[in-house]
Amino acid sequence: MLQELLSPLLDLLYPKLCLACGVHTPPNEALLCITCYYELPETRQLEQVENAFTEVFWGRVPITTGAALYYFTKSGRVQRLIHHLKYKHQPQIGEQLGLYYGRQLKKQQHFQGIDAVVPVPLHPTKEQLRGYNQAEAIGRGVALGMDLPLWPYALKRVEHTVSQTHKSRQARLENVQRVFQLGQAERLCGQHVLLVDDVLTTGATLETCATLINSVEGAQVSLATLAMAKD
């Protein structure tokens, strides 16, 4: 009763604002306002087997298909969402957007036949400090939307690297080599997995992880990220 009486006052003093624009109020338990929900810049890549996303990996690592859901631009709404997801203890952003993403992927013929979702791992120390792995939060939503199991321990991160934000593609690739290892190779054998991460920039991390998965007998890999940097 007290909570019901105080709720309007708390909403007035501490209004719940959209996590994408920071201005409008989302409806009910939503994270985004109606405007942002419909105006986030979707790439539409998931409708194509080959697209700007898959082109990043041509000649680097064999993948079945891949896509990003949104375009990531500096100071844009998607950047704000990713920032909240990674640094403001908001894993529900990844879960909710991942759920929407997974439902869209499930409709596409070239994403059929996937056996499980594998998130790019964080180093245990960093995951403990953050409280969660943002890629796993996204992967949890994607797996739910696609009606697939989530395999969070299929890969593991064995070295803690410094931030890659300002590194070149070559520097990033050198930085992540030997950082990852297979965690459950026997589970990956003969399986087609969807490797999930938050943002595609140079693709060094995804390339390294996909190469590891491809090293397992009979394994195939497709890729999905919540966002992709737009030139």
Protein backbone atom coordinates (compact mmCIF):
# COMPACT_ATOMS: atom_id res chain seq x y z
CA MET A 1 0.00 0.00 0.00
CA LEU A 2 2.79 2.41 0.95
CA GLN A 3 4.68 1.59 -2.25
CA GLU A 4 1.57 2.28 -4.33
CA LEU A 5 1.11 5.66 -2.60
CA LEU A 6 4.75 6.67 -3.01
CA SER A 7 5.17 5.44 -6.61
CA PRO A 8 3.73 8.58 -8.32
CA LEU A 9 5.95 10.80 -6.13
CA LEU A 10 9.06 8.74 -6.91
CA ASP A 11 8.24 8.85 -10.64
CA LEU A 12 8.01 12.63 -10.38
CA LEU A 13 11.30 13.01 -8.48
CA TYR A 14 13.20 10.27 -10.33
CA PRO A 15 11.52 9.84 -13.72
CA LYS A 16 12.31 6.69 -15.67
CA LEU A 17 13.90 7.83 -18.91
CA CYS A 18 14.56 5.97 -22.14
CA LEU A 19 18.04 4.40 -22.08
CA ALA A 20 18.59 5.24 -25.76
CA CYS A 21 17.64 8.94 -25.92
CA GLY A 22 17.56 9.85 -22.21
CA VAL A 23 14.59 12.13 -22.81
CA HIS A 24 11.30 10.31 -23.25
CA THR A 25 9.59 7.95 -20.84
CA PRO A 26 9.30 4.26 -21.84
CA PRO A 27 5.93 2.54 -21.44
CA ASN A 28 5.43 0.11 -18.54
CA GLU A 29 8.55 -2.04 -17.98
CA ALA A 30 10.15 -1.23 -21.35
CA LEU A 31 13.71 0.13 -21.55
CA LEU A 32 13.11 2.25 -24.65
CA CYS A 33 10.55 4.88 -25.53
CA ILE A 34 8.26 4.17 -28.48
CA THR A 35 10.19 6.55 -30.75
CA CYS A 36 13.55 4.91 -30.11
CA TYR A 37 12.10 1.42 -30.35
CA TYR A 38 11.02 2.09 -33.93
CA GLU A 39 13.87 4.39 -34.96
CA LEU A 40 16.95 2.46 -33.83
CA PRO A 41 19.00 2.00 -37.04
CA GLU A 42 18.53 -1.65 -38.01
CA THR A 43 20.96 -2.97 -40.61
CA ARG A 44 18.56 -5.51 -42.21
CA GLN A 45 21.64 -7.73 -42.74
CA LEU A 46 19.97 -10.77 -41.24
CA GLU A 47 17.83 -11.03 -44.38
CA GLN A 48 20.92 -11.73 -46.53
CA VAL A 49 23.31 -14.68 -46.42
CA GLU A 50 26.16 -12.40 -47.54
CA ASN A 51 26.23 -8.78 -46.50
CA ALA A 52 28.48 -6.00 -45.19
CA PHE A 53 28.96 -7.95 -41.96
CA THR A 54 30.10 -11.20 -43.59
CA GLU A 55 32.39 -9.27 -45.95
CA VAL A 56 34.50 -8.28 -42.93
CA PHE A 57 35.52 -11.93 -42.55
CA TRP A 58 36.19 -12.80 -46.19
CA GLY A 59 39.62 -14.40 -46.45
CA ARG A 60 40.02 -14.36 -42.67
CA VAL A 61 37.89 -17.18 -41.26
CA PRO A 62 35.19 -19.45 -42.76
CA ILE A 63 31.68 -18.67 -41.46
CA THR A 64 28.28 -19.87 -42.61
CA THR A 65 26.56 -16.49 -42.29
CA GLY A 66 26.48 -13.49 -39.99
CA ALA A 67 24.74 -10.22 -39.21
CA ALA A 68 24.52 -7.26 -36.85
CA LEU A 69 21.13 -6.02 -35.68
CA TYR A 70 21.90 -2.28 -35.45
CA TYR A 71 24.38 0.26 -36.77
CA PHE A 72 26.65 1.77 -34.13
CA THR A 73 27.53 5.45 -34.61
CA LYS A 74 29.44 7.79 -32.31
CA SER A 75 27.13 9.58 -29.87
CA GLY A 76 24.15 7.74 -31.33
CA ARG A 77 21.33 5.93 -29.55
CA VAL A 78 22.87 2.50 -30.04
CA GLN A 79 26.16 3.70 -28.52
CA ARG A 80 24.22 4.92 -25.49
CA LEU A 81 22.54 1.52 -25.13
CA ILE A 82 25.84 -0.36 -25.43
CA HIS A 83 27.40 1.97 -22.85
CA HIS A 84 24.58 1.29 -20.39
CA LEU A 85 24.83 -2.44 -21.12
CA LYS A 86 28.58 -2.63 -20.47
CA TYR A 87 29.25 0.01 -17.85
CA LYS A 88 25.99 0.90 -16.07
CA HIS A 89 25.01 -2.55 -14.82
CA GLN A 90 22.11 -2.95 -17.23
CA PRO A 91 22.33 -6.58 -18.51
CA GLN A 92 18.58 -6.47 -19.21
CA ILE A 93 19.38 -4.34 -22.26
CA GLY A 94 21.27 -7.24 -23.79
CA GLU A 95 18.60 -9.74 -22.78
CA GLN A 96 15.65 -7.75 -24.14
CA LEU A 97 17.31 -6.68 -27.40
CA GLY A 98 18.77 -10.17 -27.76
CA LEU A 99 15.29 -11.66 -27.43
CA TYR A 100 14.00 -9.40 -30.20
CA TYR A 101 17.06 -10.23 -32.32
CA GLY A 102 16.66 -13.97 -31.80
CA ARG A 103 13.03 -13.87 -32.90
CA GLN A 104 14.05 -12.09 -36.11
CA LEU A 105 16.90 -14.52 -36.78
CA LYS A 106 14.57 -17.49 -36.31
CA LYS A 107 12.50 -16.29 -39.28
CA GLN A 108 15.46 -16.42 -41.68
CA GLN A 109 16.11 -19.62 -43.61
CA HIS A 110 19.91 -19.24 -43.54
CA PHE A 111 19.89 -19.13 -39.75
CA GLN A 112 18.06 -22.45 -39.54
CA GLY A 113 20.00 -25.53 -38.49
CA ILE A 114 21.92 -23.77 -35.72
CA ASP A 115 22.31 -26.02 -32.68
CA ALA A 116 23.29 -23.59 -29.91
CA VAL A 117 24.31 -20.04 -29.02
CA VAL A 118 27.87 -19.39 -27.78
CA PRO A 119 28.74 -15.98 -26.28
CA VAL A 120 32.22 -14.51 -26.55
CA PRO A 121 33.63 -14.98 -23.02
CA LEU A 122 34.99 -12.37 -20.64
CA HIS A 123 38.00 -13.02 -18.44
CA PRO A 124 36.71 -14.24 -15.04
CA THR A 125 38.30 -11.28 -13.23
CA LYS A 126 36.58 -8.75 -15.49
CA GLU A 127 33.29 -10.62 -15.34
CA GLN A 128 33.45 -10.62 -11.55
CA LEU A 129 34.10 -6.88 -11.47
CA ARG A 130 31.29 -6.13 -13.94
CA GLY A 131 28.94 -8.67 -12.41
CA TYR A 132 28.06 -10.31 -15.72
CA ASN A 133 29.24 -10.87 -19.29
CA GLN A 134 27.41 -8.53 -21.66
CA ALA A 135 27.82 -10.96 -24.57
CA GLU A 136 26.26 -13.70 -22.47
CA ALA A 137 23.32 -11.40 -21.63
CA ILE A 138 22.75 -10.81 -25.34
CA GLY A 139 23.24 -14.51 -26.07
CA ARG A 140 20.70 -15.46 -23.41
CA GLY A 141 18.08 -13.34 -25.15
CA VAL A 142 19.03 -14.59 -28.62
CA ALA A 143 18.89 -18.22 -27.46
CA LEU A 144 15.47 -17.69 -25.94
CA GLY A 145 14.20 -16.02 -29.10
CA MET A 146 15.52 -18.85 -31.30
CA ASP A 147 14.48 -21.65 -28.92
CA LEU A 148 18.09 -22.82 -28.66
CA PRO A 149 20.37 -23.77 -25.75
CA LEU A 150 22.98 -21.31 -24.51
CA TRP A 151 26.50 -22.72 -24.09
CA PRO A 152 28.36 -20.04 -22.05
CA TYR A 153 31.36 -22.27 -21.29
CA ALA A 154 32.08 -23.58 -24.79
CA LEU A 155 34.89 -21.00 -25.00
CA LYS A 156 36.97 -19.50 -22.22
CA ARG A 157 39.15 -16.43 -21.90
CA VAL A 158 42.46 -17.25 -20.25
CA GLU A 159 44.25 -13.90 -20.47
CA HIS A 160 43.03 -10.49 -19.40
CA THR A 161 43.71 -7.96 -22.17
CA VAL A 162 43.62 -4.18 -22.00
CA SER A 163 40.88 -2.22 -23.76
CA GLN A 164 40.84 -2.58 -27.54
CA THR A 165 38.81 0.55 -28.22
CA HIS A 166 41.59 2.58 -29.85
CA LYS A 167 43.60 -0.25 -31.41
CA SER A 168 43.95 -0.96 -35.14
CA ARG A 169 42.68 -4.24 -36.63
CA GLN A 170 46.17 -5.76 -36.68
CA ALA A 171 46.89 -4.63 -33.13
CA ARG A 172 43.57 -6.05 -31.95
CA LEU A 173 44.24 -9.39 -33.64
CA GLU A 174 47.67 -9.65 -32.04
CA ASN A 175 46.15 -8.67 -28.71
CA VAL A 176 43.52 -11.44 -28.68
CA GLN A 177 45.61 -14.31 -30.04
CA ARG A 178 46.26 -16.89 -27.32
CA VAL A 179 43.70 -15.09 -25.16
CA PHE A 180 40.92 -17.59 -25.87
CA GLN A 181 40.76 -21.37 -25.56
CA LEU A 182 38.18 -24.06 -26.13
CA GLY A 183 36.26 -24.80 -22.96
CA GLN A 184 34.04 -27.67 -24.10
CA ALA A 185 35.42 -28.98 -27.38
CA GLU A 186 33.44 -32.21 -27.13
CA ARG A 187 30.18 -30.27 -27.04
CA LEU A 188 31.09 -28.34 -30.20
CA CYS A 189 31.93 -31.47 -32.21
CA GLY A 190 29.68 -31.70 -35.27
CA GLN A 191 27.59 -28.71 -34.17
CA HIS A 192 26.64 -25.47 -35.92
CA VAL A 193 26.87 -22.69 -33.34
CA LEU A 194 25.95 -19.02 -33.37
CA LEU A 195 28.80 -16.98 -31.87
CA VAL A 196 27.44 -13.82 -30.22
CA ASP A 197 29.12 -10.56 -29.16
CA ASP A 198 28.07 -6.97 -28.49
CA VAL A 199 29.72 -4.87 -31.25
CA LEU A 200 31.62 -5.69 -34.44
CA THR A 201 34.45 -3.24 -35.08
CA THR A 202 37.55 -4.83 -36.67
CA GLY A 203 36.33 -8.39 -36.06
CA ALA A 204 39.56 -9.54 -34.39
CA THR A 205 37.87 -11.12 -31.37
CA LEU A 206 35.19 -12.86 -33.42
CA GLU A 207 37.82 -14.06 -35.92
CA THR A 208 39.89 -15.64 -33.16
CA CYS A 209 36.90 -17.31 -31.49
CA ALA A 210 35.48 -18.54 -34.80
CA THR A 211 38.87 -20.03 -35.73
CA LEU A 212 38.88 -21.98 -32.46
CA ILE A 213 35.38 -23.32 -33.09
CA ASN A 214 36.30 -24.30 -36.66
CA SER A 215 39.23 -26.31 -35.29
CA VAL A 216 36.78 -28.77 -33.72
CA GLU A 217 35.87 -31.70 -35.96
CA GLY A 218 32.65 -31.08 -37.89
CA ALA A 219 31.93 -27.73 -36.24
CA GLN A 220 30.44 -24.76 -38.12
CA VAL A 221 30.05 -21.19 -36.97
CA SER A 222 27.77 -18.27 -37.77
CA LEU A 223 28.12 -14.85 -36.16
CA ALA A 224 25.71 -12.33 -34.65
CA THR A 225 26.38 -9.05 -32.88
CA LEU A 226 23.98 -6.54 -31.42
CA ALA A 227 25.64 -3.73 -33.36
CA MET A 228 28.20 -2.97 -36.05
CA ALA A 229 30.28 0.16 -36.38
CA LYS A 230 29.10 2.26 -39.31
CA ASP A 231 31.69 4.05 -41.45
